[in-house]
C-alpha atoms as a PDB file:
ATOM      1  CA  MET A   1      26.749 -30.693 -87.331  1.00  0.00           C
ATOM      2  CA  ARG A   2      23.806 -31.407 -85.012  1.00  0.00           C
ATOM      3  CA  ARG A   3      22.628 -34.469 -86.879  1.00  0.00           C
ATOM      4  CA  TRP A   4      25.948 -36.181 -86.174  1.00  0.00           C
ATOM      5  CA  LEU A   5      25.536 -35.746 -82.421  1.00  0.00           C
ATOM      6  CA  PRO A   6      23.763 -38.576 -80.547  1.00  0.00           C
ATOM      7  CA  ARG A   7      20.355 -37.695 -79.244  1.00  0.00           C
ATOM      8  CA  LEU A   8      20.270 -37.691 -75.434  1.00  0.00           C
ATOM      9  CA  SER A   9      17.183 -39.017 -73.751  1.00  0.00           C
ATOM     10  CA  PRO A  10      15.706 -36.547 -71.203  1.00  0.00           C
ATOM     11  CA  GLU A  11      15.591 -39.211 -68.518  1.00  0.00           C
ATOM     12  CA  TRP A  12      19.334 -39.898 -68.865  1.00  0.00           C
ATOM     13  CA  ALA A  13      20.420 -36.277 -69.272  1.00  0.00           C
ATOM     14  CA  PRO A  14      20.762 -35.506 -65.511  1.00  0.00           C
ATOM     15  CA  TYR A  15      22.965 -38.570 -64.984  1.00  0.00           C
ATOM     16  CA  VAL A  16      25.190 -37.666 -67.920  1.00  0.00           C
ATOM     17  CA  PHE A  17      25.716 -34.133 -66.630  1.00  0.00           C
ATOM     18  CA  LEU A  18      26.356 -35.415 -63.101  1.00  0.00           C
ATOM     19  CA  SER A  19      28.733 -38.156 -64.232  1.00  0.00           C
ATOM     20  CA  PRO A  20      31.969 -36.057 -64.059  1.00  0.00           C
ATOM     21  CA  PHE A  21      31.324 -35.207 -60.415  1.00  0.00           C
ATOM     22  CA  LEU A  22      30.211 -38.754 -59.566  1.00  0.00           C
ATOM     23  CA  LEU A  23      33.313 -40.192 -61.215  1.00  0.00           C
ATOM     24  CA  LEU A  24      35.668 -37.852 -59.362  1.00  0.00           C
ATOM     25  CA  PHE A  25      33.833 -38.446 -56.087  1.00  0.00           C
ATOM     26  CA  ALA A  26      34.081 -42.202 -56.544  1.00  0.00           C
ATOM     27  CA  VAL A  27      37.811 -42.065 -57.304  1.00  0.00           C
ATOM     28  CA  PHE A  28      38.883 -39.488 -54.713  1.00  0.00           C
ATOM     29  CA  GLY A  29      36.149 -39.942 -52.092  1.00  0.00           C
ATOM     30  CA  ILE A  30      34.575 -43.374 -51.927  1.00  0.00           C
ATOM     31  CA  PHE A  31      37.585 -45.447 -53.020  1.00  0.00           C
ATOM     32  CA  PRO A  32      40.025 -44.007 -50.410  1.00  0.00           C
ATOM     33  CA  LEU A  33      37.380 -44.498 -47.729  1.00  0.00           C
ATOM     34  CA  LEU A  34      36.760 -48.126 -48.610  1.00  0.00           C
ATOM     35  CA  PHE A  35      40.459 -48.822 -49.122  1.00  0.00           C
ATOM     36  CA  SER A  36      41.217 -47.357 -45.684  1.00  0.00           C
ATOM     37  CA  LEU A  37      38.593 -49.641 -44.140  1.00  0.00           C
ATOM     38  CA  TYR A  38      40.088 -52.641 -45.943  1.00  0.00           C
ATOM     39  CA  LEU A  39      43.587 -51.584 -44.914  1.00  0.00           C
ATOM     40  CA  ALA A  40      42.593 -51.407 -41.243  1.00  0.00           C
ATOM     41  CA  PHE A  41      42.426 -55.229 -41.227  1.00  0.00           C
ATOM     42  CA  GLN A  42      45.760 -55.673 -43.004  1.00  0.00           C
ATOM     43  CA  SER A  43      49.414 -55.525 -42.075  1.00  0.00           C
ATOM     44  CA  TRP A  44      51.122 -53.604 -44.851  1.00  0.00           C
ATOM     45  CA  GLU A  45      54.376 -51.793 -45.480  1.00  0.00           C
ATOM     46  CA  PRO A  46      53.818 -49.777 -48.692  1.00  0.00           C
ATOM     47  CA  THR A  47      57.437 -50.023 -49.846  1.00  0.00           C
ATOM     48  CA  ALA A  48      56.943 -53.788 -50.291  1.00  0.00           C
ATOM     49  CA  GLY A  49      54.042 -53.353 -52.731  1.00  0.00           C
ATOM     50  CA  LEU A  50      50.400 -54.410 -52.658  1.00  0.00           C
ATOM     51  CA  SER A  51      51.327 -58.078 -52.713  1.00  0.00           C
ATOM     52  CA  ALA A  52      52.862 -57.719 -49.227  1.00  0.00           C
ATOM     53  CA  MET A  53      49.468 -57.158 -47.597  1.00  0.00           C
ATOM     54  CA  LYS A  54      48.634 -59.675 -44.904  1.00  0.00           C
ATOM     55  CA  PHE A  55      45.231 -60.077 -43.295  1.00  0.00           C
ATOM     56  CA  VAL A  56      45.484 -59.707 -39.496  1.00  0.00           C
ATOM     57  CA  GLY A  57      41.829 -59.324 -38.542  1.00  0.00           C
ATOM     58  CA  LEU A  58      41.282 -57.088 -35.523  1.00  0.00           C
ATOM     59  CA  ASP A  59      44.939 -57.074 -34.453  1.00  0.00           C
ATOM     60  CA  ASN A  60      45.444 -53.451 -35.543  1.00  0.00           C
ATOM     61  CA  PHE A  61      42.467 -52.290 -33.489  1.00  0.00           C
ATOM     62  CA  ILE A  62      43.524 -54.366 -30.467  1.00  0.00           C
ATOM     63  CA  PHE A  63      47.066 -52.998 -30.665  1.00  0.00           C
ATOM     64  CA  THR A  64      45.814 -49.417 -30.981  1.00  0.00           C
ATOM     65  CA  LEU A  65      43.435 -49.696 -28.036  1.00  0.00           C
ATOM     66  CA  GLY A  66      46.302 -51.000 -25.902  1.00  0.00           C
ATOM     67  CA  ASP A  67      48.789 -48.399 -27.114  1.00  0.00           C
ATOM     68  CA  GLU A  68      49.696 -45.746 -24.520  1.00  0.00           C
ATOM     69  CA  TRP A  69      50.581 -43.255 -27.229  1.00  0.00           C
ATOM     70  CA  PHE A  70      47.101 -43.526 -28.715  1.00  0.00           C
ATOM     71  CA  TRP A  71      45.434 -42.648 -25.429  1.00  0.00           C
ATOM     72  CA  LYS A  72      47.952 -39.891 -24.783  1.00  0.00           C
ATOM     73  CA  SER A  73      47.288 -38.420 -28.228  1.00  0.00           C
ATOM     74  CA  LEU A  74      43.536 -38.687 -27.658  1.00  0.00           C
ATOM     75  CA  GLY A  75      43.878 -36.891 -24.330  1.00  0.00           C
ATOM     76  CA  ASN A  76      45.954 -34.151 -25.987  1.00  0.00           C
ATOM     77  CA  THR A  77      43.338 -33.808 -28.714  1.00  0.00           C
ATOM     78  CA  VAL A  78      40.457 -33.459 -26.265  1.00  0.00           C
ATOM     79  CA  TRP A  79      42.442 -30.955 -24.170  1.00  0.00           C
ATOM     80  CA  LEU A  80      43.245 -28.774 -27.184  1.00  0.00           C
ATOM     81  CA  ALA A  81      39.699 -29.048 -28.545  1.00  0.00           C
ATOM     82  CA  LEU A  82      38.251 -27.827 -25.240  1.00  0.00           C
ATOM     83  CA  ALA A  83      40.916 -25.195 -24.518  1.00  0.00           C
ATOM     84  CA  ALA A  84      40.623 -23.672 -27.975  1.00  0.00           C
ATOM     85  CA  GLY A  85      36.994 -24.430 -28.830  1.00  0.00           C
ATOM     86  CA  VAL A  86      35.092 -23.296 -25.728  1.00  0.00           C
ATOM     87  CA  PRO A  87      36.668 -19.789 -25.547  1.00  0.00           C
ATOM     88  CA  GLN A  88      35.963 -19.312 -29.267  1.00  0.00           C
ATOM     89  CA  HIS A  89      32.209 -19.321 -28.706  1.00  0.00           C
ATOM     90  CA  LEU A  90      32.347 -17.483 -25.375  1.00  0.00           C
ATOM     91  CA  VAL A  91      34.163 -14.641 -27.159  1.00  0.00           C
ATOM     92  CA  ALA A  92      32.507 -14.856 -30.585  1.00  0.00           C
ATOM     93  CA  ILE A  93      28.895 -14.495 -29.369  1.00  0.00           C
ATOM     94  CA  PRO A  94      29.301 -11.204 -27.422  1.00  0.00           C
ATOM     95  CA  LEU A  95      31.772  -9.917 -30.017  1.00  0.00           C
ATOM     96  CA  ALA A  96      29.333 -10.571 -32.860  1.00  0.00           C
ATOM     97  CA  THR A  97      26.572  -8.903 -30.834  1.00  0.00           C
ATOM     98  CA  PHE A  98      28.781  -5.857 -30.257  1.00  0.00           C
ATOM     99  CA  ILE A  99      29.658  -5.577 -33.947  1.00  0.00           C
ATOM    100  CA  HIS A 100      26.009  -6.014 -34.922  1.00  0.00           C
ATOM    101  CA  ASN A 101      24.820  -3.255 -32.581  1.00  0.00           C
ATOM    102  CA  VAL A 102      27.670  -0.745 -32.894  1.00  0.00           C
ATOM    103  CA  PHE A 103      29.002  -0.984 -36.441  1.00  0.00           C
ATOM    104  CA  LYS A 104      26.600  -0.231 -39.240  1.00  0.00           C
ATOM    105  CA  ARG A 105      28.302   0.932 -42.414  1.00  0.00           C
ATOM    106  CA  ALA A 106      31.745  -0.397 -41.463  1.00  0.00           C
ATOM    107  CA  ARG A 107      30.396  -3.795 -40.362  1.00  0.00           C
ATOM    108  CA  ASN A 108      31.648  -5.697 -43.423  1.00  0.00           C
ATOM    109  CA  ALA A 109      35.149  -4.260 -43.096  1.00  0.00           C
ATOM    110  CA  VAL A 110      35.353  -5.166 -39.397  1.00  0.00           C
ATOM    111  CA  VAL A 111      34.061  -8.672 -40.029  1.00  0.00           C
ATOM    112  CA  GLY A 112      36.563  -9.082 -42.864  1.00  0.00           C
ATOM    113  CA  LEU A 113      39.420  -8.283 -40.481  1.00  0.00           C
ATOM    114  CA  TYR A 114      38.242 -10.914 -38.015  1.00  0.00           C
ATOM    115  CA  PHE A 115      37.714 -13.449 -40.804  1.00  0.00           C
ATOM    116  CA  LEU A 116      41.179 -12.888 -42.311  1.00  0.00           C
ATOM    117  CA  PRO A 117      43.044 -15.381 -40.050  1.00  0.00           C
ATOM    118  CA  TYR A 118      40.660 -18.161 -41.117  1.00  0.00           C
ATOM    119  CA  ILE A 119      41.525 -17.820 -44.817  1.00  0.00           C
ATOM    120  CA  THR A 120      45.240 -17.292 -44.198  1.00  0.00           C
ATOM    121  CA  SER A 121      47.594 -20.189 -44.862  1.00  0.00           C
ATOM    122  CA  THR A 122      48.052 -22.396 -41.803  1.00  0.00           C
ATOM    123  CA  VAL A 123      51.772 -22.679 -42.516  1.00  0.00           C
ATOM    124  CA  ALA A 124      52.134 -18.892 -42.541  1.00  0.00           C
ATOM    125  CA  ILE A 125      50.179 -18.602 -39.284  1.00  0.00           C
ATOM    126  CA  ALA A 126      52.244 -21.317 -37.575  1.00  0.00           C
ATOM    127  CA  MET A 127      55.498 -19.732 -38.715  1.00  0.00           C
ATOM    128  CA  MET A 128      54.350 -16.325 -37.486  1.00  0.00           C
ATOM    129  CA  PHE A 129      53.433 -17.672 -34.065  1.00  0.00           C
ATOM    130  CA  SER A 130      56.625 -19.720 -33.824  1.00  0.00           C
ATOM    131  CA  THR A 131      58.434 -16.380 -34.130  1.00  0.00           C
ATOM    132  CA  LEU A 132      56.145 -14.711 -31.601  1.00  0.00           C
ATOM    133  CA  PHE A 133      56.715 -17.586 -29.143  1.00  0.00           C
ATOM    134  CA  SER A 134      60.505 -17.505 -29.594  1.00  0.00           C
ATOM    135  CA  THR A 135      62.310 -17.799 -26.279  1.00  0.00           C
ATOM    136  CA  GLU A 136      64.899 -15.067 -26.719  1.00  0.00           C
ATOM    137  CA  HIS A 137      63.480 -12.616 -29.240  1.00  0.00           C
ATOM    138  CA  GLY A 138      59.750 -13.362 -29.372  1.00  0.00           C
ATOM    139  CA  LEU A 139      57.374 -10.453 -28.891  1.00  0.00           C
ATOM    140  CA  ILE A 140      55.319 -12.386 -26.340  1.00  0.00           C
ATOM    141  CA  ASN A 141      58.282 -12.937 -24.023  1.00  0.00           C
ATOM    142  CA  GLN A 142      59.414  -9.349 -24.518  1.00  0.00           C
ATOM    143  CA  GLY A 143      55.930  -8.137 -23.611  1.00  0.00           C
ATOM    144  CA  ILE A 144      55.872 -10.329 -20.499  1.00  0.00           C
ATOM    145  CA  HIS A 145      59.322  -9.036 -19.489  1.00  0.00           C
ATOM    146  CA  TYR A 146      58.185  -5.423 -19.950  1.00  0.00           C
ATOM    147  CA  VAL A 147      55.011  -5.906 -17.898  1.00  0.00           C
ATOM    148  CA  SER A 148      56.899  -7.826 -15.191  1.00  0.00           C
ATOM    149  CA  GLN A 149      58.872  -4.636 -14.453  1.00  0.00           C
ATOM    150  CA  TRP A 150      55.713  -3.048 -13.082  1.00  0.00           C
ATOM    151  CA  PRO A 151      55.451  -3.438  -9.287  1.00  0.00           C
ATOM    152  CA  LEU A 152      51.862  -4.666  -9.560  1.00  0.00           C
ATOM    153  CA  PHE A 153      52.808  -7.644 -11.773  1.00  0.00           C
ATOM    154  CA  SER A 154      56.392  -8.330 -10.675  1.00  0.00           C
ATOM    155  CA  TRP A 155      55.324 -11.100  -8.285  1.00  0.00           C
ATOM    156  CA  LEU A 156      53.008 -12.741 -10.811  1.00  0.00           C
ATOM    157  CA  LEU A 157      55.064 -12.934 -14.017  1.00  0.00           C
ATOM    158  CA  PRO A 158      58.350 -14.867 -14.408  1.00  0.00           C
ATOM    159  CA  GLU A 159      61.603 -12.975 -14.788  1.00  0.00           C
ATOM    160  CA  GLN A 160      63.182 -15.521 -17.159  1.00  0.00           C
ATOM    161  CA  PRO A 161      61.943 -15.950 -20.753  1.00  0.00           C
ATOM    162  CA  ILE A 162      59.409 -18.749 -21.202  1.00  0.00           C
ATOM    163  CA  ASP A 163      60.282 -21.561 -23.596  1.00  0.00           C
ATOM    164  CA  TRP A 164      56.756 -21.780 -24.968  1.00  0.00           C
ATOM    165  CA  LEU A 165      57.384 -24.450 -27.591  1.00  0.00           C
ATOM    166  CA  GLY A 166      60.052 -26.381 -25.673  1.00  0.00           C
ATOM    167  CA  GLN A 167      58.232 -27.217 -22.449  1.00  0.00           C
ATOM    168  CA  ALA A 168      55.389 -29.687 -22.110  1.00  0.00           C
ATOM    169  CA  GLU A 169      53.417 -27.478 -19.695  1.00  0.00           C
ATOM    170  CA  THR A 170      53.427 -24.446 -22.031  1.00  0.00           C
ATOM    171  CA  LEU A 171      53.294 -26.139 -25.433  1.00  0.00           C
ATOM    172  CA  LYS A 172      49.590 -27.042 -25.393  1.00  0.00           C
ATOM    173  CA  PRO A 173      48.434 -23.592 -24.204  1.00  0.00           C
ATOM    174  CA  ALA A 174      50.536 -22.011 -26.965  1.00  0.00           C
ATOM    175  CA  ILE A 175      48.912 -24.191 -29.634  1.00  0.00           C
ATOM    176  CA  ALA A 176      45.461 -23.517 -28.146  1.00  0.00           C
ATOM    177  CA  ILE A 177      46.110 -19.784 -28.511  1.00  0.00           C
ATOM    178  CA  VAL A 178      46.990 -20.231 -32.179  1.00  0.00           C
ATOM    179  CA  VAL A 179      43.864 -22.305 -32.873  1.00  0.00           C
ATOM    180  CA  PHE A 180      41.672 -19.838 -30.975  1.00  0.00           C
ATOM    181  CA  TRP A 181      43.107 -16.859 -32.864  1.00  0.00           C
ATOM    182  CA  ARG A 182      42.577 -18.560 -36.204  1.00  0.00           C
ATOM    183  CA  TYR A 183      38.980 -19.729 -35.792  1.00  0.00           C
ATOM    184  CA  VAL A 184      37.321 -17.135 -33.546  1.00  0.00           C
ATOM    185  CA  GLY A 185      36.697 -14.878 -36.567  1.00  0.00           C
ATOM    186  CA  PHE A 186      34.933 -17.708 -38.390  1.00  0.00           C
ATOM    187  CA  ASN A 187      32.523 -18.109 -35.482  1.00  0.00           C
ATOM    188  CA  VAL A 188      31.987 -14.355 -35.337  1.00  0.00           C
ATOM    189  CA  VAL A 189      30.828 -14.458 -38.962  1.00  0.00           C
ATOM    190  CA  LEU A 190      28.451 -17.334 -38.194  1.00  0.00           C
ATOM    191  CA  TYR A 191      26.846 -15.586 -35.241  1.00  0.00           C
ATOM    192  CA  LEU A 192      26.702 -12.247 -37.002  1.00  0.00           C
ATOM    193  CA  ALA A 193      24.790 -13.853 -39.865  1.00  0.00           C
ATOM    194  CA  ALA A 194      22.363 -15.371 -37.361  1.00  0.00           C
ATOM    195  CA  LEU A 195      21.912 -12.056 -35.532  1.00  0.00           C
ATOM    196  CA  GLN A 196      20.803 -10.373 -38.732  1.00  0.00           C
ATOM    197  CA  THR A 197      17.883 -12.807 -39.019  1.00  0.00           C
ATOM    198  CA  ILE A 198      16.399 -11.892 -35.603  1.00  0.00           C
ATOM    199  CA  PRO A 199      13.362  -9.613 -36.106  1.00  0.00           C
ATOM    200  CA  LYS A 200      13.870  -6.107 -34.744  1.00  0.00           C
ATOM    201  CA  ASP A 201      10.283  -6.119 -33.524  1.00  0.00           C
ATOM    202  CA  LEU A 202      11.291  -8.421 -30.680  1.00  0.00           C
ATOM    203  CA  TYR A 203      13.822  -5.908 -29.358  1.00  0.00           C
ATOM    204  CA  GLU A 204      11.419  -2.993 -29.809  1.00  0.00           C
ATOM    205  CA  ALA A 205       8.692  -4.815 -27.885  1.00  0.00           C
ATOM    206  CA  ALA A 206      11.173  -5.753 -25.149  1.00  0.00           C
ATOM    207  CA  THR A 207      12.334  -2.132 -24.894  1.00  0.00           C
ATOM    208  CA  MET A 208       8.744  -0.924 -24.541  1.00  0.00           C
ATOM    209  CA  ASP A 209       8.255  -3.483 -21.751  1.00  0.00           C
ATOM    210  CA  GLY A 210      11.259  -2.045 -19.910  1.00  0.00           C
ATOM    211  CA  ALA A 211      13.808  -4.791 -20.652  1.00  0.00           C
ATOM    212  CA  GLY A 212      17.431  -3.651 -20.546  1.00  0.00           C
ATOM    213  CA  ARG A 213      20.278  -4.583 -22.883  1.00  0.00           C
ATOM    214  CA  TRP A 214      21.377  -7.508 -20.731  1.00  0.00           C
ATOM    215  CA  GLN A 215      17.837  -8.882 -20.459  1.00  0.00           C
ATOM    216  CA  GLN A 216      17.360  -8.575 -24.223  1.00  0.00           C
ATOM    217  CA  PHE A 217      20.622 -10.401 -24.813  1.00  0.00           C
ATOM    218  CA  TRP A 218      19.778 -13.187 -22.354  1.00  0.00           C
ATOM    219  CA  PHE A 219      16.120 -13.749 -23.251  1.00  0.00           C
ATOM    220  CA  ILE A 220      16.027 -12.829 -26.963  1.00  0.00           C
ATOM    221  CA  THR A 221      19.491 -13.016 -28.533  1.00  0.00           C
ATOM    222  CA  LEU A 222      20.776 -16.223 -26.981  1.00  0.00           C
ATOM    223  CA  PRO A 223      17.585 -18.295 -27.553  1.00  0.00           C
ATOM    224  CA  SER A 224      17.451 -17.047 -31.153  1.00  0.00           C
ATOM    225  CA  LEU A 225      21.088 -18.021 -31.654  1.00  0.00           C
ATOM    226  CA  ARG A 226      20.536 -21.561 -30.356  1.00  0.00           C
ATOM    227  CA  PRO A 227      20.493 -23.255 -33.819  1.00  0.00           C
ATOM    228  CA  MET A 228      23.654 -21.419 -34.880  1.00  0.00           C
ATOM    229  CA  ILE A 229      25.360 -22.186 -31.562  1.00  0.00           C
ATOM    230  CA  TYR A 230      24.577 -25.843 -32.122  1.00  0.00           C
ATOM    231  CA  PHE A 231      26.009 -25.656 -35.644  1.00  0.00           C
ATOM    232  CA  GLY A 232      29.133 -23.790 -34.504  1.00  0.00           C
ATOM    233  CA  VAL A 233      29.800 -26.121 -31.569  1.00  0.00           C
ATOM    234  CA  MET A 234      29.347 -29.129 -33.844  1.00  0.00           C
ATOM    235  CA  LEU A 235      31.928 -27.739 -36.263  1.00  0.00           C
ATOM    236  CA  SER A 236      34.298 -27.047 -33.357  1.00  0.00           C
ATOM    237  CA  VAL A 237      33.915 -30.604 -32.039  1.00  0.00           C
ATOM    238  CA  ILE A 238      34.598 -32.178 -35.434  1.00  0.00           C
ATOM    239  CA  GLY A 239      37.428 -29.782 -36.303  1.00  0.00           C
ATOM    240  CA  GLY A 240      39.014 -29.972 -32.854  1.00  0.00           C
ATOM    241  CA  MET A 241      39.147 -33.760 -32.901  1.00  0.00           C
ATOM    242  CA  GLN A 242      40.865 -33.618 -36.309  1.00  0.00           C
ATOM    243  CA  LEU A 243      43.410 -30.984 -35.259  1.00  0.00           C
ATOM    244  CA  PHE A 244      46.602 -31.528 -37.218  1.00  0.00           C
ATOM    245  CA  GLU A 245      48.220 -28.572 -38.954  1.00  0.00           C
ATOM    246  CA  GLU A 246      49.033 -26.255 -36.036  1.00  0.00           C
ATOM    247  CA  PRO A 247      50.607 -28.865 -33.699  1.00  0.00           C
ATOM    248  CA  PHE A 248      52.341 -30.568 -36.620  1.00  0.00           C
ATOM    249  CA  ILE A 249      54.049 -27.410 -37.864  1.00  0.00           C
ATOM    250  CA  LEU A 250      54.854 -25.898 -34.462  1.00  0.00           C
ATOM    251  CA  THR A 251      56.456 -29.159 -33.272  1.00  0.00           C
ATOM    252  CA  SER A 252      58.062 -30.110 -36.616  1.00  0.00           C
ATOM    253  CA  GLY A 253      55.809 -33.145 -36.828  1.00  0.00           C
ATOM    254  CA  LYS A 254      57.203 -34.817 -33.691  1.00  0.00           C
ATOM    255  CA  GLY A 255      54.602 -33.886 -31.081  1.00  0.00           C
ATOM    256  CA  GLY A 256      56.892 -31.706 -28.984  1.00  0.00           C
ATOM    257  CA  THR A 257      58.470 -32.355 -25.594  1.00  0.00           C
ATOM    258  CA  ASP A 258      57.059 -35.476 -23.929  1.00  0.00           C
ATOM    259  CA  GLN A 259      54.626 -35.724 -26.873  1.00  0.00           C
ATOM    260  CA  ALA A 260      52.576 -32.988 -25.191  1.00  0.00           C
ATOM    261  CA  ALA A 261      51.125 -31.731 -28.501  1.00  0.00           C
ATOM    262  CA  MET A 262      50.831 -35.003 -30.367  1.00  0.00           C
ATOM    263  CA  THR A 263      47.188 -35.094 -31.385  1.00  0.00           C
ATOM    264  CA  THR A 264      45.555 -38.246 -32.719  1.00  0.00           C
ATOM    265  CA  ALA A 265      45.804 -36.928 -36.277  1.00  0.00           C
ATOM    266  CA  VAL A 266      49.533 -36.258 -35.830  1.00  0.00           C
ATOM    267  CA  TYR A 267      50.019 -39.724 -34.322  1.00  0.00           C
ATOM    268  CA  MET A 268      48.136 -41.218 -37.251  1.00  0.00           C
ATOM    269  CA  TYR A 269      50.469 -39.422 -39.675  1.00  0.00           C
ATOM    270  CA  ARG A 270      53.560 -40.587 -37.800  1.00  0.00           C
ATOM    271  CA  THR A 271      52.305 -44.171 -37.667  1.00  0.00           C
ATOM    272  CA  ALA A 272      51.833 -44.200 -41.431  1.00  0.00           C
ATOM    273  CA  PHE A 273      54.802 -42.201 -42.712  1.00  0.00           C
ATOM    274  CA  ASP A 274      57.386 -42.411 -39.911  1.00  0.00           C
ATOM    275  CA  PHE A 275      56.762 -46.010 -38.815  1.00  0.00           C
ATOM    276  CA  ASN A 276      55.518 -47.293 -42.232  1.00  0.00           C
ATOM    277  CA  ASP A 277      52.564 -49.035 -40.588  1.00  0.00           C
ATOM    278  CA  PHE A 278      49.606 -48.107 -42.776  1.00  0.00           C
ATOM    279  CA  GLY A 279      47.376 -50.831 -41.342  1.00  0.00           C
ATOM    280  CA  THR A 280      47.564 -49.479 -37.797  1.00  0.00           C
ATOM    281  CA  ALA A 281      47.225 -45.914 -39.111  1.00  0.00           C
ATOM    282  CA  SER A 282      43.997 -46.881 -40.872  1.00  0.00           C
ATOM    283  CA  ALA A 283      42.692 -48.521 -37.698  1.00  0.00           C
ATOM    284  CA  LEU A 284      43.580 -45.300 -35.862  1.00  0.00           C
ATOM    285  CA  SER A 285      41.566 -43.262 -38.345  1.00  0.00           C
ATOM    286  CA  TRP A 286      38.473 -45.413 -37.903  1.00  0.00           C
ATOM    287  CA  LEU A 287      38.724 -45.350 -34.118  1.00  0.00           C
ATOM    288  CA  LEU A 288      38.983 -41.566 -34.301  1.00  0.00           C
ATOM    289  CA  PHE A 289      35.933 -41.544 -36.576  1.00  0.00           C
ATOM    290  CA  ILE A 290      33.962 -43.575 -34.023  1.00  0.00           C
ATOM    291  CA  PHE A 291      35.049 -41.227 -31.231  1.00  0.00           C
ATOM    292  CA  VAL A 292      34.035 -38.151 -33.245  1.00  0.00           C
ATOM    293  CA  MET A 293      30.673 -39.762 -33.989  1.00  0.00           C
ATOM    294  CA  ALA A 294      30.156 -40.391 -30.266  1.00  0.00           C
ATOM    295  CA  LEU A 295      31.000 -36.786 -29.406  1.00  0.00           C
ATOM    296  CA  THR A 296      28.699 -35.572 -32.177  1.00  0.00           C
ATOM    297  CA  TRP A 297      25.876 -37.664 -30.744  1.00  0.00           C
ATOM    298  CA  LEU A 298      26.521 -36.302 -27.250  1.00  0.00           C
ATOM    299  CA  THR A 299      26.571 -32.741 -28.593  1.00  0.00           C
ATOM    300  CA  ASN A 300      23.292 -33.367 -30.365  1.00  0.00           C
ATOM    301  CA  ARG A 301      21.780 -34.723 -27.150  1.00  0.00           C
ATOM    302  CA  ALA A 302      23.016 -31.694 -25.194  1.00  0.00           C
ATOM    303  CA  PHE A 303      21.437 -29.220 -27.624  1.00  0.00           C
ATOM    304  CA  ARG A 304      18.269 -31.109 -28.298  1.00  0.00           C
ATOM    305  CA  GLU A 305      15.291 -29.241 -26.994  1.00  0.00           C
ATOM    306  CA  ARG A 306      13.492 -31.032 -24.219  1.00  0.00           C
ATOM    307  CA  GLN A 307       9.940 -31.820 -25.053  1.00  0.00           C
ATOM    308  CA  GLY A 308       7.070 -32.378 -22.718  1.00  0.00           C
ATOM    309  CA  GLY A 309       9.039 -30.980 -19.782  1.00  0.00           C
ATOM    310  CA  ALA A 310      11.461 -33.932 -19.866  1.00  0.00           C
END
């Protein structure tokens, strides 16, 4: 049987074994990317077929940059990325430190509970929170109504139920809560993994020198976590600027009242599939890519260690 098989040269063997992945990556990775770039310079309605493509140059980019909805969606995206991303790290770092110091044997179980929302289906999470945010029967409004009966909070909380998903001023905070709840556990896992790499000798030496818990956290834990903080913030920047699933599901794909939750990714989807303008949608995607690259560069500059006292 072996003599009928072709003999494979050792120098070609790695390429042969890698060829299935390279082929799939070329078909499902490189080709869509290049086709999207080509499409950004075309005017095309897909129902008319490929022959209906018409070269329009930079018209799609010029139209997008002058489109009020694009800038509104970009503003919504930045708002949600900041409102959901910044609290994630402010909560995840001390929470991971607490779990690392307090829980020993049960640490994996506790971390698994925090990580569970991240691996749960986004559709299931959005449907659960749409029920929680319900105006009449949602648990959040019922909890607010119960607390508002206390004399201490009666002047602060509204008496009428809040239409969380029907008002522009409450829609974005509601979505930010969902995004925060889903991803804070992921960041806890990141920081907990980084905490386990910090040598215990540093804390023992600091304790012998009389440093308290707060001083150890500020001068040992945080500097040691700097690379992981940079990595986590970078992921939050990239993920926040591509936010799509939560606002899309909670607003039924329409962006909500006054388009308050229409992120750039949602607007891109609507441009392509609601307005049948795939050329402008492709231009939108590349402008978003450029904006994410700029934010990534700024994040890198902010975290880059200053050398030579500069």
